[in-house]
Amino acid sequence: MSLYLVFGELLKQLNTQQSARTLTPTTSADIEGLVSEIIAYIDDANIVLPHKDVEWLLNATRDIGLKFGCSTNKIKTKIFTTITGTSILPYLPKNTATSLHRAITRYTTGEVTTGIKVLGLPIGSKQFVNEELSSFLQQLTTDTTTLLESLQDPQTTLQLYKSCLLQRVPFRMMIEVMHNSDSSCYRGPYRWNSCLSQGVNCPTKKVLCTICKVPTLPQHSFLIATLPEMLKGLGLFAPHKSAAASLVVPLARTIRQANNDINLPGGKHQSLPTYSPSSETGPPPPSQYSSNSAASWPTSL
């Protein structure tokens, strides 16, 4: 726990310095361009900022970290610049390119130009995302086989598969829908047909066949098994039924919390920024933003 508290103190000081830097732009063109965002969960930080600020931020992180005995990990530190697969350095202004190149060389193992994983979720080009989803599917299949070979009790096997292995799927379905939303996949709100959805159904059927001791599983038996428990099913997650909901539900929740704040113990937490770098008075309170109008959102988001 002490590690997380130290990391929190480091990020607090870093955020203070970055906010001060944002509010004192060097040119009028920097007023919006210098806006950055620091997003952290436990000991994992993801920072979005302009190219010209990357070296400064990593230097500041190094200097602040020395006070707490912390340092950046060169292997784990990633500078994600584009999803095209081609370096952006030749297309940047000379000073910015030089600064960014120094940061990449000093703090990372190389520029990332296809995609990264944030809390296990692949973000980047369509090819990168699909490769990561394919790798996940292979791992799920391997883990399912290991589970079936290691346990003999059918109830324990089914419960572990349902509560552990299948729980890795829903949030990945969200990103899969975002990157593969073409007509060949969508066959209705409860009939999503993709490599990932069909691939996940295969180990599910394998588990059911092994437990029931049958060579094949009839389609109607599979459909019953994927019904909710309140409808007398087994409650197994079925990606072909829940793909659309995996995207829409968290997206709707995010929009609602951005407009109405987040309810936490002790009161509400404001999720929108309280100031705008281009305005001394700042943006209006979240309640005045309309979820129906993209123009109502502040430009700093």
C-alpha atoms as a PDB file:
ATOM      1  CA  MET A   1       0.000   0.000   0.000  1.00  0.00           C
ATOM      2  CA  SER A   2       2.908   2.358   0.729  1.00  0.00           C
ATOM      3  CA  LEU A   3       4.000   2.050  -2.920  1.00  0.00           C
ATOM      4  CA  TYR A   4       0.652   3.389  -4.119  1.00  0.00           C
ATOM      5  CA  LEU A   5       0.724   6.271  -1.638  1.00  0.00           C
ATOM      6  CA  VAL A   6       4.217   7.260  -2.781  1.00  0.00           C
ATOM      7  CA  PHE A   7       3.143   7.032  -6.426  1.00  0.00           C
ATOM      8  CA  GLY A   8       0.145   9.212  -5.624  1.00  0.00           C
ATOM      9  CA  GLU A   9       2.370  11.879  -4.072  1.00  0.00           C
ATOM     10  CA  LEU A  10       4.647  11.776  -7.107  1.00  0.00           C
ATOM     11  CA  LEU A  11       1.713  12.232  -9.494  1.00  0.00           C
ATOM     12  CA  LYS A  12       0.302  15.047  -7.351  1.00  0.00           C
ATOM     13  CA  GLN A  13       3.514  17.070  -7.636  1.00  0.00           C
ATOM     14  CA  LEU A  14       3.828  16.233 -11.320  1.00  0.00           C
ATOM     15  CA  ASN A  15       0.254  17.342 -11.970  1.00  0.00           C
ATOM     16  CA  THR A  16       0.878  20.631 -10.141  1.00  0.00           C
ATOM     17  CA  GLN A  17       3.932  21.399 -12.264  1.00  0.00           C
ATOM     18  CA  GLN A  18       2.183  20.404 -15.490  1.00  0.00           C
ATOM     19  CA  SER A  19      -0.871  22.542 -14.645  1.00  0.00           C
ATOM     20  CA  ALA A  20       1.384  25.546 -14.025  1.00  0.00           C
ATOM     21  CA  ARG A  21       3.139  24.900 -17.335  1.00  0.00           C
ATOM     22  CA  THR A  22      -0.227  24.681 -19.107  1.00  0.00           C
ATOM     23  CA  LEU A  23      -1.365  28.020 -17.717  1.00  0.00           C
ATOM     24  CA  THR A  24       1.816  29.800 -18.803  1.00  0.00           C
ATOM     25  CA  PRO A  25       2.057  29.045 -22.556  1.00  0.00           C
ATOM     26  CA  THR A  26       5.048  30.286 -24.476  1.00  0.00           C
ATOM     27  CA  THR A  27       2.978  31.404 -27.479  1.00  0.00           C
ATOM     28  CA  SER A  28      -0.664  32.122 -28.173  1.00  0.00           C
ATOM     29  CA  ALA A  29      -0.834  28.923 -30.248  1.00  0.00           C
ATOM     30  CA  ASP A  30       0.096  26.917 -27.157  1.00  0.00           C
ATOM     31  CA  ILE A  31      -2.999  27.939 -25.174  1.00  0.00           C
ATOM     32  CA  GLU A  32      -4.967  24.872 -26.256  1.00  0.00           C
ATOM     33  CA  GLY A  33      -2.024  22.786 -27.469  1.00  0.00           C
ATOM     34  CA  LEU A  34      -0.390  22.405 -24.065  1.00  0.00           C
ATOM     35  CA  VAL A  35      -3.435  20.860 -22.394  1.00  0.00           C
ATOM     36  CA  SER A  36      -2.500  17.460 -20.939  1.00  0.00           C
ATOM     37  CA  GLU A  37      -4.233  14.692 -19.045  1.00  0.00           C
ATOM     38  CA  ILE A  38      -2.790  12.401 -16.359  1.00  0.00           C
ATOM     39  CA  ILE A  39      -4.785   9.214 -15.787  1.00  0.00           C
ATOM     40  CA  ALA A  40      -3.530   6.771 -13.151  1.00  0.00           C
ATOM     41  CA  TYR A  41      -4.821   3.573 -11.564  1.00  0.00           C
ATOM     42  CA  ILE A  42      -2.914   2.145  -8.582  1.00  0.00           C
ATOM     43  CA  ASP A  43       0.667   2.062  -9.943  1.00  0.00           C
ATOM     44  CA  ASP A  44      -0.112   2.441 -13.652  1.00  0.00           C
ATOM     45  CA  ALA A  45      -0.107   5.929 -15.208  1.00  0.00           C
ATOM     46  CA  ASN A  46      -1.162   6.972 -18.705  1.00  0.00           C
ATOM     47  CA  ILE A  47      -0.363  10.546 -19.671  1.00  0.00           C
ATOM     48  CA  VAL A  48      -1.631  12.371 -22.765  1.00  0.00           C
ATOM     49  CA  LEU A  49       0.330  15.508 -23.659  1.00  0.00           C
ATOM     50  CA  PRO A  50       1.847  17.467 -26.587  1.00  0.00           C
ATOM     51  CA  HIS A  51       5.020  16.206 -28.255  1.00  0.00           C
ATOM     52  CA  LYS A  52       7.011  19.207 -27.030  1.00  0.00           C
ATOM     53  CA  ASP A  53       6.215  18.333 -23.394  1.00  0.00           C
ATOM     54  CA  VAL A  54       7.221  14.650 -23.425  1.00  0.00           C
ATOM     55  CA  GLU A  55      10.894  15.125 -22.544  1.00  0.00           C
ATOM     56  CA  TRP A  56      10.062  17.748 -19.919  1.00  0.00           C
ATOM     57  CA  LEU A  57       7.541  15.461 -18.229  1.00  0.00           C
ATOM     58  CA  LEU A  58       9.861  12.454 -18.127  1.00  0.00           C
ATOM     59  CA  ASN A  59      12.684  14.609 -16.741  1.00  0.00           C
ATOM     60  CA  ALA A  60      10.307  16.003 -14.114  1.00  0.00           C
ATOM     61  CA  THR A  61       9.149  12.482 -13.228  1.00  0.00           C
ATOM     62  CA  ARG A  62      12.782  11.429 -12.781  1.00  0.00           C
ATOM     63  CA  ASP A  63      13.618  14.433 -10.596  1.00  0.00           C
ATOM     64  CA  ILE A  64      10.512  14.135  -8.399  1.00  0.00           C
ATOM     65  CA  GLY A  65      10.929  10.373  -8.164  1.00  0.00           C
ATOM     66  CA  LEU A  66      14.422  10.744  -6.700  1.00  0.00           C
ATOM     67  CA  LYS A  67      12.846  12.256  -3.578  1.00  0.00           C
ATOM     68  CA  PHE A  68      10.801   9.085  -3.040  1.00  0.00           C
ATOM     69  CA  GLY A  69      13.321   6.537  -4.269  1.00  0.00           C
ATOM     70  CA  CYS A  70      11.338   5.896  -7.454  1.00  0.00           C
ATOM     71  CA  SER A  71      12.523   5.593 -11.034  1.00  0.00           C
ATOM     72  CA  THR A  72      10.948   4.868 -14.404  1.00  0.00           C
ATOM     73  CA  ASN A  73      11.272   1.426 -15.955  1.00  0.00           C
ATOM     74  CA  LYS A  74      12.774   1.751 -19.438  1.00  0.00           C
ATOM     75  CA  ILE A  75      11.163  -1.485 -20.630  1.00  0.00           C
ATOM     76  CA  LYS A  76       7.688  -0.586 -19.365  1.00  0.00           C
ATOM     77  CA  THR A  77       7.753   3.087 -20.334  1.00  0.00           C
ATOM     78  CA  LYS A  78       6.120   3.579 -23.736  1.00  0.00           C
ATOM     79  CA  ILE A  79       5.918   6.711 -25.897  1.00  0.00           C
ATOM     80  CA  PHE A  80       2.953   6.093 -28.189  1.00  0.00           C
ATOM     81  CA  THR A  81       2.953   8.584 -31.057  1.00  0.00           C
ATOM     82  CA  THR A  82       0.854   7.168 -33.916  1.00  0.00           C
ATOM     83  CA  ILE A  83      -1.024   4.095 -35.160  1.00  0.00           C
ATOM     84  CA  THR A  84       0.335   4.201 -38.722  1.00  0.00           C
ATOM     85  CA  GLY A  85       3.393   2.052 -38.081  1.00  0.00           C
ATOM     86  CA  THR A  86       5.691   4.893 -39.206  1.00  0.00           C
ATOM     87  CA  SER A  87       7.674   7.253 -36.978  1.00  0.00           C
ATOM     88  CA  ILE A  88       6.334  10.810 -36.770  1.00  0.00           C
ATOM     89  CA  LEU A  89       9.746  12.341 -35.997  1.00  0.00           C
ATOM     90  CA  PRO A  90      10.473  13.418 -39.607  1.00  0.00           C
ATOM     91  CA  TYR A  91       7.188  15.343 -39.706  1.00  0.00           C
ATOM     92  CA  LEU A  92       7.659  17.366 -36.508  1.00  0.00           C
ATOM     93  CA  PRO A  93       9.351  20.771 -36.126  1.00  0.00           C
ATOM     94  CA  LYS A  94      13.090  20.314 -35.678  1.00  0.00           C
ATOM     95  CA  ASN A  95      13.274  21.334 -32.003  1.00  0.00           C
ATOM     96  CA  THR A  96      10.269  19.197 -31.086  1.00  0.00           C
ATOM     97  CA  ALA A  97      11.599  16.205 -33.013  1.00  0.00           C
ATOM     98  CA  THR A  98      15.005  16.483 -31.329  1.00  0.00           C
ATOM     99  CA  SER A  99      13.449  16.706 -27.877  1.00  0.00           C
ATOM    100  CA  LEU A 100      11.109  13.776 -28.506  1.00  0.00           C
ATOM    101  CA  HIS A 101      13.942  11.656 -29.912  1.00  0.00           C
ATOM    102  CA  ARG A 102      16.035  12.296 -26.779  1.00  0.00           C
ATOM    103  CA  ALA A 103      13.110  11.226 -24.592  1.00  0.00           C
ATOM    104  CA  ILE A 104      12.535   8.048 -26.618  1.00  0.00           C
ATOM    105  CA  THR A 105      16.234   7.140 -26.500  1.00  0.00           C
ATOM    106  CA  ARG A 106      16.744   7.954 -22.820  1.00  0.00           C
ATOM    107  CA  TYR A 107      13.560   6.592 -21.258  1.00  0.00           C
ATOM    108  CA  THR A 108      12.203   3.838 -23.559  1.00  0.00           C
ATOM    109  CA  THR A 109      13.271   0.979 -25.792  1.00  0.00           C
ATOM    110  CA  GLY A 110      11.830   2.658 -28.896  1.00  0.00           C
ATOM    111  CA  GLU A 111       8.981   4.713 -30.333  1.00  0.00           C
ATOM    112  CA  VAL A 112       5.606   2.913 -30.345  1.00  0.00           C
ATOM    113  CA  THR A 113       3.825   3.400 -33.659  1.00  0.00           C
ATOM    114  CA  THR A 114       1.091   0.730 -33.738  1.00  0.00           C
ATOM    115  CA  GLY A 115      -0.624   0.552 -30.340  1.00  0.00           C
ATOM    116  CA  ILE A 116      -0.354  -0.048 -26.605  1.00  0.00           C
ATOM    117  CA  LYS A 117      -2.316  -1.816 -23.886  1.00  0.00           C
ATOM    118  CA  VAL A 118      -3.915   0.270 -21.140  1.00  0.00           C
ATOM    119  CA  LEU A 119      -4.968  -1.846 -18.148  1.00  0.00           C
ATOM    120  CA  GLY A 120      -4.960  -4.838 -20.480  1.00  0.00           C
ATOM    121  CA  LEU A 121      -7.087  -3.148 -23.143  1.00  0.00           C
ATOM    122  CA  PRO A 122      -5.460  -2.789 -26.585  1.00  0.00           C
ATOM    123  CA  ILE A 123      -5.595   0.735 -28.048  1.00  0.00           C
ATOM    124  CA  GLY A 124      -4.208   1.542 -31.472  1.00  0.00           C
ATOM    125  CA  SER A 125      -4.607   0.516 -35.103  1.00  0.00           C
ATOM    126  CA  LYS A 126      -7.209  -2.013 -36.184  1.00  0.00           C
ATOM    127  CA  GLN A 127      -4.480  -4.519 -37.036  1.00  0.00           C
ATOM    128  CA  PHE A 128      -2.804  -4.107 -33.632  1.00  0.00           C
ATOM    129  CA  VAL A 129      -6.106  -4.505 -31.764  1.00  0.00           C
ATOM    130  CA  ASN A 130      -7.117  -7.605 -33.722  1.00  0.00           C
ATOM    131  CA  GLU A 131      -3.698  -9.193 -33.167  1.00  0.00           C
ATOM    132  CA  GLU A 132      -4.018  -8.599 -29.423  1.00  0.00           C
ATOM    133  CA  LEU A 133      -7.565 -10.024 -29.398  1.00  0.00           C
ATOM    134  CA  SER A 134      -6.358 -13.074 -31.317  1.00  0.00           C
ATOM    135  CA  SER A 135      -3.570 -13.561 -28.792  1.00  0.00           C
ATOM    136  CA  PHE A 136      -6.098 -13.276 -25.953  1.00  0.00           C
ATOM    137  CA  LEU A 137      -8.330 -15.891 -27.577  1.00  0.00           C
ATOM    138  CA  GLN A 138      -5.434 -18.325 -27.845  1.00  0.00           C
ATOM    139  CA  GLN A 139      -4.597 -17.776 -24.169  1.00  0.00           C
ATOM    140  CA  LEU A 140      -8.246 -18.292 -23.171  1.00  0.00           C
ATOM    141  CA  THR A 141      -8.337 -21.586 -25.077  1.00  0.00           C
ATOM    142  CA  THR A 142      -5.100 -22.745 -23.425  1.00  0.00           C
ATOM    143  CA  ASP A 143      -6.307 -21.784 -19.942  1.00  0.00           C
ATOM    144  CA  THR A 144      -9.611 -23.588 -20.521  1.00  0.00           C
ATOM    145  CA  THR A 145      -7.793 -26.784 -21.505  1.00  0.00           C
ATOM    146  CA  THR A 146      -5.573 -26.510 -18.412  1.00  0.00           C
ATOM    147  CA  LEU A 147      -8.648 -26.019 -16.207  1.00  0.00           C
ATOM    148  CA  LEU A 148     -10.388 -29.095 -17.627  1.00  0.00           C
ATOM    149  CA  GLU A 149      -7.276 -31.241 -17.227  1.00  0.00           C
ATOM    150  CA  SER A 150      -6.559 -30.069 -13.667  1.00  0.00           C
ATOM    151  CA  LEU A 151      -9.981 -30.407 -12.011  1.00  0.00           C
ATOM    152  CA  GLN A 152     -12.333 -33.360 -11.844  1.00  0.00           C
ATOM    153  CA  ASP A 153     -15.307 -31.857 -10.026  1.00  0.00           C
ATOM    154  CA  PRO A 154     -17.756 -30.547 -12.673  1.00  0.00           C
ATOM    155  CA  GLN A 155     -19.359 -27.901 -10.465  1.00  0.00           C
ATOM    156  CA  THR A 156     -16.013 -26.404  -9.460  1.00  0.00           C
ATOM    157  CA  THR A 157     -14.822 -26.461 -13.059  1.00  0.00           C
ATOM    158  CA  LEU A 158     -17.914 -24.700 -14.365  1.00  0.00           C
ATOM    159  CA  GLN A 159     -17.886 -22.082 -11.607  1.00  0.00           C
ATOM    160  CA  LEU A 160     -14.209 -21.244 -12.134  1.00  0.00           C
ATOM    161  CA  TYR A 161     -14.690 -21.000 -15.888  1.00  0.00           C
ATOM    162  CA  LYS A 162     -17.745 -18.789 -15.461  1.00  0.00           C
ATOM    163  CA  SER A 163     -16.370 -16.536 -12.706  1.00  0.00           C
ATOM    164  CA  CYS A 164     -12.713 -16.295 -13.744  1.00  0.00           C
ATOM    165  CA  LEU A 165     -11.933 -17.125 -17.365  1.00  0.00           C
ATOM    166  CA  LEU A 166     -15.116 -15.744 -18.936  1.00  0.00           C
ATOM    167  CA  GLN A 167     -14.846 -12.528 -16.922  1.00  0.00           C
ATOM    168  CA  ARG A 168     -11.877 -11.533 -19.106  1.00  0.00           C
ATOM    169  CA  VAL A 169     -14.128 -11.290 -22.161  1.00  0.00           C
ATOM    170  CA  PRO A 170     -16.754  -8.488 -21.721  1.00  0.00           C
ATOM    171  CA  PHE A 171     -14.463  -5.441 -21.703  1.00  0.00           C
ATOM    172  CA  ARG A 172     -12.524  -6.878 -24.636  1.00  0.00           C
ATOM    173  CA  MET A 173     -15.769  -7.221 -26.565  1.00  0.00           C
ATOM    174  CA  MET A 174     -16.167  -3.464 -26.174  1.00  0.00           C
ATOM    175  CA  ILE A 175     -12.930  -2.744 -28.008  1.00  0.00           C
ATOM    176  CA  GLU A 176     -13.674  -5.488 -30.547  1.00  0.00           C
ATOM    177  CA  VAL A 177     -16.993  -3.864 -31.484  1.00  0.00           C
ATOM    178  CA  MET A 178     -15.295  -0.472 -31.844  1.00  0.00           C
ATOM    179  CA  HIS A 179     -12.758  -1.821 -34.346  1.00  0.00           C
ATOM    180  CA  ASN A 180     -14.874  -4.338 -36.252  1.00  0.00           C
ATOM    181  CA  SER A 181     -18.260  -2.656 -36.560  1.00  0.00           C
ATOM    182  CA  ASP A 182     -18.955  -3.622 -40.165  1.00  0.00           C
ATOM    183  CA  SER A 183     -22.079  -5.214 -41.627  1.00  0.00           C
ATOM    184  CA  SER A 184     -20.529  -8.682 -41.750  1.00  0.00           C
ATOM    185  CA  CYS A 185     -20.355  -8.775 -37.936  1.00  0.00           C
ATOM    186  CA  TYR A 186     -23.666  -7.145 -37.070  1.00  0.00           C
ATOM    187  CA  ARG A 187     -26.626  -9.449 -37.661  1.00  0.00           C
ATOM    188  CA  GLY A 188     -28.952  -7.961 -35.076  1.00  0.00           C
ATOM    189  CA  PRO A 189     -28.679  -6.617 -31.501  1.00  0.00           C
ATOM    190  CA  TYR A 190     -28.231 -10.149 -30.102  1.00  0.00           C
ATOM    191  CA  ARG A 191     -26.389 -11.767 -33.013  1.00  0.00           C
ATOM    192  CA  TRP A 192     -22.867 -10.400 -33.186  1.00  0.00           C
ATOM    193  CA  ASN A 193     -20.743 -12.580 -35.440  1.00  0.00           C
ATOM    194  CA  SER A 194     -16.975 -12.058 -35.276  1.00  0.00           C
ATOM    195  CA  CYS A 195     -13.789 -14.067 -34.809  1.00  0.00           C
ATOM    196  CA  LEU A 196     -13.686 -13.192 -31.096  1.00  0.00           C
ATOM    197  CA  SER A 197     -17.343 -13.962 -30.344  1.00  0.00           C
ATOM    198  CA  GLN A 198     -17.256 -17.287 -32.177  1.00  0.00           C
ATOM    199  CA  GLY A 199     -13.847 -18.069 -30.729  1.00  0.00           C
ATOM    200  CA  VAL A 200     -15.030 -17.567 -27.137  1.00  0.00           C
ATOM    201  CA  ASN A 201     -18.054 -19.802 -27.753  1.00  0.00           C
ATOM    202  CA  CYS A 202     -15.730 -22.693 -28.667  1.00  0.00           C
ATOM    203  CA  PRO A 203     -14.090 -23.136 -25.221  1.00  0.00           C
ATOM    204  CA  THR A 204     -17.503 -22.589 -23.605  1.00  0.00           C
ATOM    205  CA  LYS A 205     -18.939 -25.466 -25.613  1.00  0.00           C
ATOM    206  CA  LYS A 206     -15.858 -27.551 -24.806  1.00  0.00           C
ATOM    207  CA  VAL A 207     -16.414 -27.023 -21.068  1.00  0.00           C
ATOM    208  CA  LEU A 208     -20.078 -27.995 -21.348  1.00  0.00           C
ATOM    209  CA  CYS A 209     -19.297 -31.072 -23.448  1.00  0.00           C
ATOM    210  CA  THR A 210     -16.657 -32.209 -20.951  1.00  0.00           C
ATOM    211  CA  ILE A 211     -18.963 -31.728 -17.958  1.00  0.00           C
ATOM    212  CA  CYS A 212     -21.921 -33.405 -19.671  1.00  0.00           C
ATOM    213  CA  LYS A 213     -19.670 -36.141 -21.125  1.00  0.00           C
ATOM    214  CA  VAL A 214     -21.006 -35.776 -24.648  1.00  0.00           C
ATOM    215  CA  PRO A 215     -19.007 -35.477 -27.905  1.00  0.00           C
ATOM    216  CA  THR A 216     -21.037 -32.528 -29.241  1.00  0.00           C
ATOM    217  CA  LEU A 217     -23.432 -29.998 -27.761  1.00  0.00           C
ATOM    218  CA  PRO A 218     -26.797 -29.341 -29.440  1.00  0.00           C
ATOM    219  CA  GLN A 219     -27.377 -25.688 -30.299  1.00  0.00           C
ATOM    220  CA  HIS A 220     -30.481 -25.442 -28.131  1.00  0.00           C
ATOM    221  CA  SER A 221     -28.511 -26.749 -25.121  1.00  0.00           C
ATOM    222  CA  PHE A 222     -25.866 -24.075 -25.673  1.00  0.00           C
ATOM    223  CA  LEU A 223     -28.516 -21.346 -25.879  1.00  0.00           C
ATOM    224  CA  ILE A 224     -30.118 -22.551 -22.641  1.00  0.00           C
ATOM    225  CA  ALA A 225     -26.724 -22.601 -20.892  1.00  0.00           C
ATOM    226  CA  THR A 226     -26.125 -18.957 -21.853  1.00  0.00           C
ATOM    227  CA  LEU A 227     -29.462 -17.780 -20.460  1.00  0.00           C
ATOM    228  CA  PRO A 228     -29.344 -15.791 -17.180  1.00  0.00           C
ATOM    229  CA  GLU A 229     -29.765 -17.813 -14.006  1.00  0.00           C
ATOM    230  CA  MET A 230     -33.062 -16.042 -13.286  1.00  0.00           C
ATOM    231  CA  LEU A 231     -34.356 -17.612 -16.516  1.00  0.00           C
ATOM    232  CA  LYS A 232     -33.144 -21.063 -15.441  1.00  0.00           C
ATOM    233  CA  GLY A 233     -29.937 -20.903 -17.453  1.00  0.00           C
ATOM    234  CA  LEU A 234     -26.331 -21.274 -16.298  1.00  0.00           C
ATOM    235  CA  GLY A 235     -25.568 -17.573 -16.739  1.00  0.00           C
ATOM    236  CA  LEU A 236     -22.539 -18.170 -18.986  1.00  0.00           C
ATOM    237  CA  PHE A 237     -21.411 -15.040 -20.803  1.00  0.00           C
ATOM    238  CA  ALA A 238     -22.315 -15.234 -24.503  1.00  0.00           C
ATOM    239  CA  PRO A 239     -20.383 -12.622 -26.522  1.00  0.00           C
ATOM    240  CA  HIS A 240     -22.603 -12.984 -29.587  1.00  0.00           C
ATOM    241  CA  LYS A 241     -25.552 -11.842 -27.432  1.00  0.00           C
ATOM    242  CA  SER A 242     -23.803  -9.187 -25.345  1.00  0.00           C
ATOM    243  CA  ALA A 243     -21.379  -7.521 -27.755  1.00  0.00           C
ATOM    244  CA  ALA A 244     -23.476  -4.400 -28.355  1.00  0.00           C
ATOM    245  CA  ALA A 245     -24.213  -3.992 -24.640  1.00  0.00           C
ATOM    246  CA  SER A 246     -20.506  -4.359 -23.815  1.00  0.00           C
ATOM    247  CA  LEU A 247     -19.903  -1.129 -25.742  1.00  0.00           C
ATOM    248  CA  VAL A 248     -23.102   0.845 -25.120  1.00  0.00           C
ATOM    249  CA  VAL A 249     -23.443   0.349 -21.347  1.00  0.00           C
ATOM    250  CA  PRO A 250     -19.959   1.632 -20.273  1.00  0.00           C
ATOM    251  CA  LEU A 251     -20.128   4.409 -22.884  1.00  0.00           C
ATOM    252  CA  ALA A 252     -23.514   5.580 -21.577  1.00  0.00           C
ATOM    253  CA  ARG A 253     -22.244   5.385 -17.988  1.00  0.00           C
ATOM    254  CA  THR A 254     -19.194   7.473 -18.870  1.00  0.00           C
ATOM    255  CA  ILE A 255     -21.311  10.170 -20.544  1.00  0.00           C
ATOM    256  CA  ARG A 256     -23.705  10.239 -17.593  1.00  0.00           C
ATOM    257  CA  GLN A 257     -20.908  10.570 -15.053  1.00  0.00           C
ATOM    258  CA  ALA A 258     -19.203  13.269 -17.127  1.00  0.00           C
ATOM    259  CA  ASN A 259     -22.415  15.309 -17.064  1.00  0.00           C
ATOM    260  CA  ASN A 260     -23.647  14.547 -13.545  1.00  0.00           C
ATOM    261  CA  ASP A 261     -20.378  13.844 -11.653  1.00  0.00           C
ATOM    262  CA  ILE A 262     -19.418  10.560 -10.007  1.00  0.00           C
ATOM    263  CA  ASN A 263     -21.052   9.472  -6.761  1.00  0.00           C
ATOM    264  CA  LEU A 264     -18.402   8.490  -4.217  1.00  0.00           C
ATOM    265  CA  PRO A 265     -18.508   8.026  -0.437  1.00  0.00           C
ATOM    266  CA  GLY A 266     -18.593  11.486   1.081  1.00  0.00           C
ATOM    267  CA  GLY A 267     -20.191  13.220  -1.900  1.00  0.00           C
ATOM    268  CA  LYS A 268     -19.905  13.714  -5.628  1.00  0.00           C
ATOM    269  CA  HIS A 269     -16.627  13.867  -7.520  1.00  0.00           C
ATOM    270  CA  GLN A 270     -16.479  16.329 -10.405  1.00  0.00           C
ATOM    271  CA  SER A 271     -15.284  14.530 -13.516  1.00  0.00           C
ATOM    272  CA  LEU A 272     -14.982  17.543 -15.836  1.00  0.00           C
ATOM    273  CA  PRO A 273     -12.142  20.105 -15.495  1.00  0.00           C
ATOM    274  CA  THR A 274     -12.844  23.108 -13.327  1.00  0.00           C
ATOM    275  CA  TYR A 275     -10.946  25.548 -15.542  1.00  0.00           C
ATOM    276  CA  SER A 276     -10.171  26.188 -19.172  1.00  0.00           C
ATOM    277  CA  PRO A 277      -6.681  27.432 -20.166  1.00  0.00           C
ATOM    278  CA  SER A 278      -8.244  29.915 -22.597  1.00  0.00           C
ATOM    279  CA  SER A 279     -10.712  31.348 -20.093  1.00  0.00           C
ATOM    280  CA  GLU A 280     -10.204  32.849 -16.665  1.00  0.00           C
ATOM    281  CA  THR A 281     -13.763  32.095 -15.669  1.00  0.00           C
ATOM    282  CA  GLY A 282     -13.598  28.465 -16.796  1.00  0.00           C
ATOM    283  CA  PRO A 283     -16.286  26.321 -18.423  1.00  0.00           C
ATOM    284  CA  PRO A 284     -19.850  26.112 -17.069  1.00  0.00           C
ATOM    285  CA  PRO A 285     -20.673  23.426 -14.495  1.00  0.00           C
ATOM    286  CA  PRO A 286     -21.272  19.862 -15.787  1.00  0.00           C
ATOM    287  CA  SER A 287     -25.040  20.202 -15.359  1.00  0.00           C
ATOM    288  CA  GLN A 288     -25.085  22.771 -18.169  1.00  0.00           C
ATOM    289  CA  TYR A 289     -23.505  20.447 -20.742  1.00  0.00           C
ATOM    290  CA  SER A 290     -25.928  18.753 -23.057  1.00  0.00           C
ATOM    291  CA  SER A 291     -25.218  15.100 -23.866  1.00  0.00           C
ATOM    292  CA  ASN A 292     -26.981  15.663 -27.199  1.00  0.00           C
ATOM    293  CA  SER A 293     -24.554  18.259 -28.474  1.00  0.00           C
ATOM    294  CA  ALA A 294     -20.876  17.662 -29.106  1.00  0.00           C
ATOM    295  CA  ALA A 295     -20.355  21.422 -29.327  1.00  0.00           C
ATOM    296  CA  SER A 296     -21.294  21.808 -25.676  1.00  0.00           C
ATOM    297  CA  TRP A 297     -18.178  19.968 -24.455  1.00  0.00           C
ATOM    298  CA  PRO A 298     -15.123  22.014 -23.407  1.00  0.00           C
ATOM    299  CA  THR A 299     -12.219  21.933 -25.834  1.00  0.00           C
ATOM    300  CA  SER A 300      -9.807  20.828 -23.108  1.00  0.00           C
ATOM    301  CA  LEU A 301     -11.303  17.345 -22.896  1.00  0.00           C
END
